[in-house]
Amino acid sequence: MKHTHFILILIMVLLLNACNTNNQKANNNDSPTIETAYFGQKPPGLIPEIFAPGIISIDGRGEHGISFSPDLDEVYFSANKKDEEPSIYYSKLEDKKWITPKKANFTKGKKVAEMHPFVSPNGRTLHFIAHDSFTLPHHKESVKSWYVKRLGDSWSDAKQLDSPINDDFVFYSNEAKNGDLYYTNVSKRKMYYAPKKDDKYPEVHELATGGFHGFISPSQDYLVANARNKEDDQRKSDIYVYFREKDGTWSKPINLESDVNSNFPETCPSITPDGKYLFFGRYNEEGGLSNFYWVSTEIISKLKSEYFKKFK
């Protein structure tokens, strides 16, 4: 009996030690907390706030298109000064601190410009747009969708996507949770999507929505896009939301109005992986440059509730 009692005590001690070890690991990891996620910025409510001024949103530079990794410990965005070609910048959370943003240079000089990065929902792929200089003849033919694959703490060599997607002038690729790729066909000025089949995109389909720079929500129940306000000629670009109906079709565009839109153009909307925030560019800086703004997606949830109550 004494021997059995000793064994039971020993097992309990080992279990307690294991729990303490796991707790220490959990406390020592670099997973973002409320103090470190989103560069430690105070989360916005229903009024848009400029994002990380002086760190990400910098005066004298335009920022457009931002994407966070699924764990919210990496960020990628495109930016450029007025007379420069766009580049992709990135920052990572290391030892609970965000490193100073650096240029990614995924194509290693193969292309002059890189922009509109998007980290896939599983974190294994980063899609982006690359092209030759806009000052060169036939630059539109060079604007294509590219990607890199995750290799540990870095990325693979960049490759141009082998898909009918790249048969046209395309922008703003972003991936749904099921792997389907949504993008803007600039040549046709319409939104498209390409179903993922065996890790490829062999066919494309027109999306029955309007807008430019469209972005699919993490839950795939709505899509945000910017478009010209047809009811107000002074509004060059507002952000709209389209809700997915039960039969898979899309609602008519619903303007986010003054909750998000201003007298300045708003573009390149995106939703964070946790579904909590809407990011977008607002061209309100002197010289016609843009800064990143963010706002709670509660404004979209509210519109969704009102929409389905009214029309259902």
Protein backbone atom coordinates (compact mmCIF):
# COMPACT_ATOMS: atom_id res chain seq x y z
CA MET A 1 0.00 0.00 0.00
CA LYS A 2 2.86 2.37 0.91
CA HIS A 3 4.50 1.67 -2.45
CA THR A 4 1.25 2.36 -4.32
CA HIS A 5 0.71 5.57 -2.37
CA PHE A 6 4.26 6.71 -3.24
CA ILE A 7 3.67 6.02 -6.95
CA LEU A 8 0.45 8.08 -6.92
CA ILE A 9 2.22 11.02 -5.25
CA LEU A 10 5.05 10.82 -7.79
CA ILE A 11 2.58 10.87 -10.69
CA MET A 12 0.83 13.92 -9.24
CA VAL A 13 4.15 15.77 -8.86
CA LEU A 14 5.11 15.00 -12.45
CA LEU A 15 1.74 16.22 -13.73
CA LEU A 16 2.05 19.47 -11.78
CA ASN A 17 5.54 20.04 -13.16
CA ALA A 18 4.27 19.43 -16.70
CA CYS A 19 1.46 21.95 -16.22
CA ASN A 20 3.88 24.55 -14.87
CA THR A 21 6.21 23.99 -17.82
CA ASN A 22 3.36 24.43 -20.29
CA ASN A 23 2.20 27.59 -18.53
CA GLN A 24 5.72 29.00 -18.67
CA LYS A 25 5.90 28.27 -22.39
CA ALA A 26 2.54 29.90 -22.96
CA ASN A 27 3.63 32.97 -21.00
CA ASN A 28 6.98 33.21 -22.80
CA ASN A 29 5.76 32.92 -26.39
CA ASP A 30 5.57 35.84 -28.81
CA SER A 31 1.88 35.57 -29.55
CA PRO A 32 0.35 39.04 -29.77
CA THR A 33 -1.48 40.34 -26.72
CA ILE A 34 -3.75 43.35 -26.39
CA GLU A 35 -0.59 45.36 -25.66
CA THR A 36 1.37 44.14 -28.70
CA ALA A 37 -1.16 43.28 -31.43
CA TYR A 38 -1.53 45.88 -34.16
CA PHE A 39 1.63 47.70 -33.02
CA GLY A 40 0.10 48.34 -29.63
CA GLN A 41 -2.37 50.81 -31.12
CA LYS A 42 -5.57 51.43 -29.20
CA PRO A 43 -8.32 49.49 -31.04
CA PRO A 44 -10.80 51.77 -32.81
CA GLY A 45 -14.52 51.79 -32.26
CA LEU A 46 -17.11 52.92 -34.77
CA ILE A 47 -15.11 55.97 -35.83
CA PRO A 48 -12.15 55.35 -38.19
CA GLU A 49 -8.72 56.16 -36.77
CA ILE A 50 -5.41 56.58 -38.57
CA PHE A 51 -3.33 53.43 -38.10
CA ALA A 52 0.12 53.57 -36.51
CA PRO A 53 0.97 57.17 -37.50
CA GLY A 54 4.69 57.72 -37.96
CA ILE A 55 5.29 53.96 -38.04
CA ILE A 56 3.13 52.58 -40.85
CA SER A 57 1.17 55.65 -41.96
CA ILE A 58 3.95 58.10 -42.73
CA ASP A 59 3.62 61.67 -43.96
CA GLY A 60 4.98 62.22 -47.46
CA ARG A 61 4.25 58.65 -48.52
CA GLY A 62 1.13 56.94 -49.79
CA GLU A 63 0.11 53.59 -48.25
CA HIS A 64 -2.30 51.20 -49.96
CA GLY A 65 -3.14 47.54 -49.35
CA ILE A 66 -2.32 45.96 -45.97
CA SER A 67 -2.44 42.37 -44.74
CA PHE A 68 -1.71 40.69 -41.40
CA SER A 69 -0.65 37.09 -40.90
CA PRO A 70 -3.24 34.73 -39.33
CA ASP A 71 -1.46 34.93 -35.96
CA LEU A 72 -1.29 38.75 -36.22
CA ASP A 73 2.47 38.68 -35.67
CA GLU A 74 3.44 39.87 -39.17
CA VAL A 75 2.20 42.70 -41.37
CA TYR A 76 2.75 43.41 -45.06
CA PHE A 77 1.72 46.55 -46.92
CA SER A 78 2.56 48.54 -50.05
CA ALA A 79 3.66 52.15 -50.09
CA ASN A 80 5.43 54.72 -52.22
CA LYS A 81 6.26 58.40 -52.42
CA LYS A 82 4.59 60.46 -55.12
CA ASP A 83 7.28 59.98 -57.79
CA GLU A 84 8.27 56.43 -56.83
CA GLU A 85 7.13 52.98 -57.89
CA PRO A 86 5.31 51.05 -55.11
CA SER A 87 7.16 48.59 -52.88
CA ILE A 88 6.02 46.03 -50.32
CA TYR A 89 7.14 46.58 -46.73
CA TYR A 90 6.92 44.19 -43.81
CA SER A 91 7.33 44.07 -40.05
CA LYS A 92 7.38 41.20 -37.57
CA LEU A 93 6.73 40.84 -33.86
CA GLU A 94 10.00 39.76 -32.24
CA ASP A 95 10.44 39.52 -28.46
CA LYS A 96 7.09 41.29 -28.10
CA LYS A 97 8.31 44.24 -30.18
CA TRP A 98 7.60 45.12 -33.80
CA ILE A 99 10.72 45.55 -35.90
CA THR A 100 11.12 48.66 -38.05
CA PRO A 101 9.33 48.06 -41.39
CA LYS A 102 11.64 46.93 -44.20
CA LYS A 103 11.29 46.45 -47.95
CA ALA A 104 10.48 42.86 -48.93
CA ASN A 105 11.75 42.81 -52.55
CA PHE A 106 10.15 39.44 -53.29
CA THR A 107 11.02 39.41 -57.01
CA LYS A 108 14.64 40.38 -56.30
CA GLY A 109 14.68 43.00 -59.03
CA LYS A 110 12.85 40.99 -61.69
CA LYS A 111 10.05 43.54 -61.47
CA VAL A 112 10.33 47.23 -60.76
CA ALA A 113 7.23 47.47 -58.58
CA GLU A 114 5.51 45.23 -56.02
CA MET A 115 2.25 45.99 -54.23
CA HIS A 116 -1.02 44.74 -52.71
CA PRO A 117 0.35 41.92 -50.51
CA PHE A 118 -2.04 39.39 -49.00
CA VAL A 119 -1.18 36.57 -46.58
CA SER A 120 -3.44 33.54 -47.12
CA PRO A 121 -5.71 32.43 -44.25
CA ASN A 122 -3.44 29.45 -43.52
CA GLY A 123 -0.33 31.66 -43.60
CA ARG A 124 1.45 29.48 -46.16
CA THR A 125 1.18 31.74 -49.21
CA LEU A 126 1.60 35.44 -49.82
CA HIS A 127 -0.04 36.82 -52.96
CA PHE A 128 0.99 40.15 -54.44
CA ILE A 129 1.01 42.18 -57.65
CA ALA A 130 4.25 42.92 -59.50
CA HIS A 131 4.90 44.89 -62.65
CA ASP A 132 7.35 46.93 -64.68
CA SER A 133 7.53 50.69 -64.40
CA PHE A 134 4.34 52.57 -65.19
CA THR A 135 6.49 54.99 -67.20
CA LEU A 136 7.38 52.29 -69.74
CA PRO A 137 5.28 51.51 -72.84
CA HIS A 138 2.85 48.59 -72.52
CA HIS A 139 3.18 48.56 -68.72
CA LYS A 140 -0.34 47.12 -68.38
CA GLU A 141 0.76 43.85 -69.93
CA SER A 142 3.30 43.42 -67.14
CA VAL A 143 0.87 43.81 -64.20
CA LYS A 144 0.37 40.25 -62.96
CA SER A 145 -0.42 38.26 -59.85
CA TRP A 146 2.62 36.69 -58.16
CA TYR A 147 3.14 34.62 -55.02
CA VAL A 148 5.70 33.28 -52.56
CA LYS A 149 5.46 30.22 -50.29
CA ARG A 150 6.30 30.07 -46.60
CA LEU A 151 9.71 28.55 -45.81
CA GLY A 152 10.13 28.54 -42.06
CA ASP A 153 10.72 32.15 -41.04
CA SER A 154 11.18 33.35 -44.63
CA TRP A 155 9.61 33.04 -48.08
CA SER A 156 10.42 31.13 -51.26
CA ASP A 157 11.49 32.70 -54.54
CA ALA A 158 8.65 34.63 -56.15
CA LYS A 159 6.72 33.07 -59.02
CA GLN A 160 4.15 34.49 -61.40
CA LEU A 161 0.84 32.71 -60.95
CA ASP A 162 0.27 30.17 -63.74
CA SER A 163 -3.43 30.77 -64.27
CA PRO A 164 -5.92 32.41 -66.66
CA ILE A 165 -6.06 35.10 -63.97
CA ASN A 166 -2.93 36.55 -65.53
CA ASP A 167 -4.37 36.69 -69.04
CA ASP A 168 -5.47 40.24 -68.19
CA PHE A 169 -4.36 43.31 -66.26
CA VAL A 170 -5.14 42.37 -62.63
CA PHE A 171 -5.04 43.93 -59.17
CA TYR A 172 -5.60 43.15 -55.51
CA SER A 173 -5.60 39.35 -55.17
CA ASN A 174 -6.87 37.96 -51.87
CA GLU A 175 -7.68 34.42 -50.84
CA ALA A 176 -10.79 33.07 -49.13
CA LYS A 177 -10.63 30.42 -46.40
CA ASN A 178 -11.47 27.70 -48.93
CA GLY A 179 -8.55 28.77 -51.12
CA ASP A 180 -10.53 30.56 -53.84
CA LEU A 181 -8.76 33.67 -55.10
CA TYR A 182 -10.67 36.95 -55.48
CA TYR A 183 -9.23 39.75 -57.57
CA THR A 184 -9.93 42.79 -59.75
CA ASN A 185 -9.75 42.39 -63.51
CA VAL A 186 -8.67 45.93 -64.37
CA SER A 187 -8.95 45.25 -68.11
CA LYS A 188 -12.66 44.53 -67.71
CA ARG A 189 -13.13 46.74 -64.63
CA LYS A 190 -14.91 43.92 -62.82
CA MET A 191 -14.42 41.63 -59.85
CA TYR A 192 -13.57 37.97 -60.51
CA TYR A 193 -12.76 34.87 -58.51
CA ALA A 194 -10.86 31.68 -59.34
CA PRO A 195 -11.72 28.42 -57.51
CA LYS A 196 -8.70 26.58 -56.14
CA LYS A 197 -8.33 23.06 -57.55
CA ASP A 198 -5.32 20.87 -56.72
CA ASP A 199 -3.40 23.93 -55.56
CA LYS A 200 -3.99 25.68 -58.89
CA TYR A 201 -6.44 28.18 -60.39
CA PRO A 202 -7.40 26.68 -63.78
CA GLU A 203 -10.52 28.76 -64.41
CA VAL A 204 -11.96 32.17 -63.60
CA HIS A 205 -15.50 33.41 -63.01
CA GLU A 206 -16.99 36.88 -63.03
CA LEU A 207 -18.29 37.91 -59.63
CA ALA A 208 -21.75 39.44 -59.69
CA THR A 209 -20.66 42.51 -57.76
CA GLY A 210 -19.35 45.87 -58.79
CA GLY A 211 -16.50 47.77 -57.27
CA PHE A 212 -12.74 47.91 -57.46
CA HIS A 213 -10.19 46.55 -55.00
CA GLY A 214 -12.64 43.96 -53.68
CA PHE A 215 -11.83 41.96 -50.54
CA ILE A 216 -13.56 38.82 -49.31
CA SER A 217 -14.27 38.58 -45.56
CA PRO A 218 -12.65 35.75 -43.52
CA SER A 219 -16.08 34.13 -43.06
CA GLN A 220 -16.88 34.66 -46.77
CA ASP A 221 -20.27 36.10 -45.89
CA TYR A 222 -19.53 39.55 -47.30
CA LEU A 223 -17.22 41.42 -49.62
CA VAL A 224 -16.00 45.01 -49.33
CA ALA A 225 -14.92 47.10 -52.31
CA ASN A 226 -14.42 50.70 -53.26
CA ALA A 227 -16.33 52.33 -56.12
CA ARG A 228 -17.42 55.73 -57.39
CA ASN A 229 -20.50 57.08 -55.67
CA LYS A 230 -23.00 57.36 -58.53
CA GLU A 231 -25.34 59.48 -56.40
CA ASP A 232 -22.70 62.11 -55.65
CA ASP A 233 -20.35 63.23 -58.43
CA GLN A 234 -18.02 64.79 -55.87
CA ARG A 235 -17.32 61.41 -54.24
CA LYS A 236 -14.62 59.77 -56.35
CA SER A 237 -14.34 56.59 -54.30
CA ASP A 238 -16.43 55.25 -51.40
CA ILE A 239 -16.32 51.86 -49.72
CA TYR A 240 -19.30 49.54 -50.15
CA VAL A 241 -20.25 46.15 -48.76
CA TYR A 242 -21.97 43.25 -50.53
CA PHE A 243 -23.63 40.55 -48.42
CA ARG A 244 -23.80 36.95 -49.60
CA GLU A 245 -27.35 35.63 -49.80
CA LYS A 246 -28.35 32.11 -48.75
CA ASP A 247 -28.46 31.03 -52.40
CA GLY A 248 -24.88 32.22 -52.97
CA THR A 249 -25.78 35.40 -54.85
CA TRP A 250 -24.72 38.85 -53.71
CA SER A 251 -26.74 41.77 -52.45
CA LYS A 252 -26.71 45.16 -54.08
CA PRO A 253 -23.87 47.44 -52.91
CA ILE A 254 -24.48 49.15 -49.59
CA ASN A 255 -22.55 52.35 -48.97
CA LEU A 256 -20.75 52.47 -45.61
CA GLU A 257 -21.59 56.17 -45.67
CA SER A 258 -20.19 58.57 -43.10
CA ASP A 259 -19.31 55.72 -40.74
CA VAL A 260 -16.32 55.11 -43.02
CA ASN A 261 -16.50 57.35 -46.08
CA SER A 262 -15.50 60.99 -46.11
CA ASN A 263 -15.10 63.79 -48.64
CA PHE A 264 -11.73 62.22 -49.49
CA PRO A 265 -11.39 59.07 -51.64
CA GLU A 266 -11.31 55.77 -49.71
CA THR A 267 -9.75 52.70 -51.36
CA CYS A 268 -8.22 49.26 -50.88
CA PRO A 269 -10.43 47.92 -48.07
CA SER A 270 -9.35 44.78 -46.24
CA ILE A 271 -10.54 42.78 -43.24
CA THR A 272 -8.16 41.51 -40.56
CA PRO A 273 -7.82 37.71 -40.10
CA ASP A 274 -9.69 37.86 -36.78
CA GLY A 275 -12.58 39.61 -38.54
CA LYS A 276 -12.53 42.48 -36.03
CA TYR A 277 -11.30 45.41 -38.10
CA LEU A 278 -11.74 47.00 -41.50
CA PHE A 279 -8.61 48.66 -42.91
CA PHE A 280 -8.62 51.06 -45.85
CA GLY A 281 -6.64 53.86 -47.45
CA ARG A 282 -7.86 57.44 -47.24
CA TYR A 283 -6.35 59.99 -49.60
CA ASN A 284 -6.45 62.90 -47.20
CA GLU A 285 -2.78 63.75 -46.95
CA GLU A 286 -1.33 66.83 -48.61
CA GLY A 287 -0.27 66.10 -52.18
CA GLY A 288 -3.02 63.56 -52.71
CA LEU A 289 -1.32 60.78 -50.74
CA SER A 290 -3.08 58.16 -48.63
CA ASN A 291 -2.82 56.89 -45.06
CA PHE A 292 -4.12 53.69 -43.51
CA TYR A 293 -7.25 53.94 -41.39
CA TRP A 294 -8.98 51.22 -39.37
CA VAL A 295 -12.40 50.85 -37.79
CA SER A 296 -14.38 48.14 -36.01
CA THR A 297 -16.27 45.73 -38.28
CA GLU A 298 -19.23 46.21 -35.94
CA ILE A 299 -20.37 48.81 -38.47
CA ILE A 300 -20.65 46.03 -41.06
CA SER A 301 -22.37 43.68 -38.61
CA LYS A 302 -24.92 46.39 -37.91
CA LEU A 303 -25.59 46.93 -41.62
CA LYS A 304 -25.88 43.18 -42.14
CA SER A 305 -28.48 42.86 -39.40
CA GLU A 306 -30.47 45.79 -40.80
CA TYR A 307 -30.25 44.44 -44.34
CA PHE A 308 -31.57 40.98 -43.56
CA LYS A 309 -34.33 42.33 -41.35
CA LYS A 310 -35.47 44.70 -44.06
CA PHE A 311 -35.31 42.41 -47.08
CA LYS A 312 -36.00 39.01 -45.53
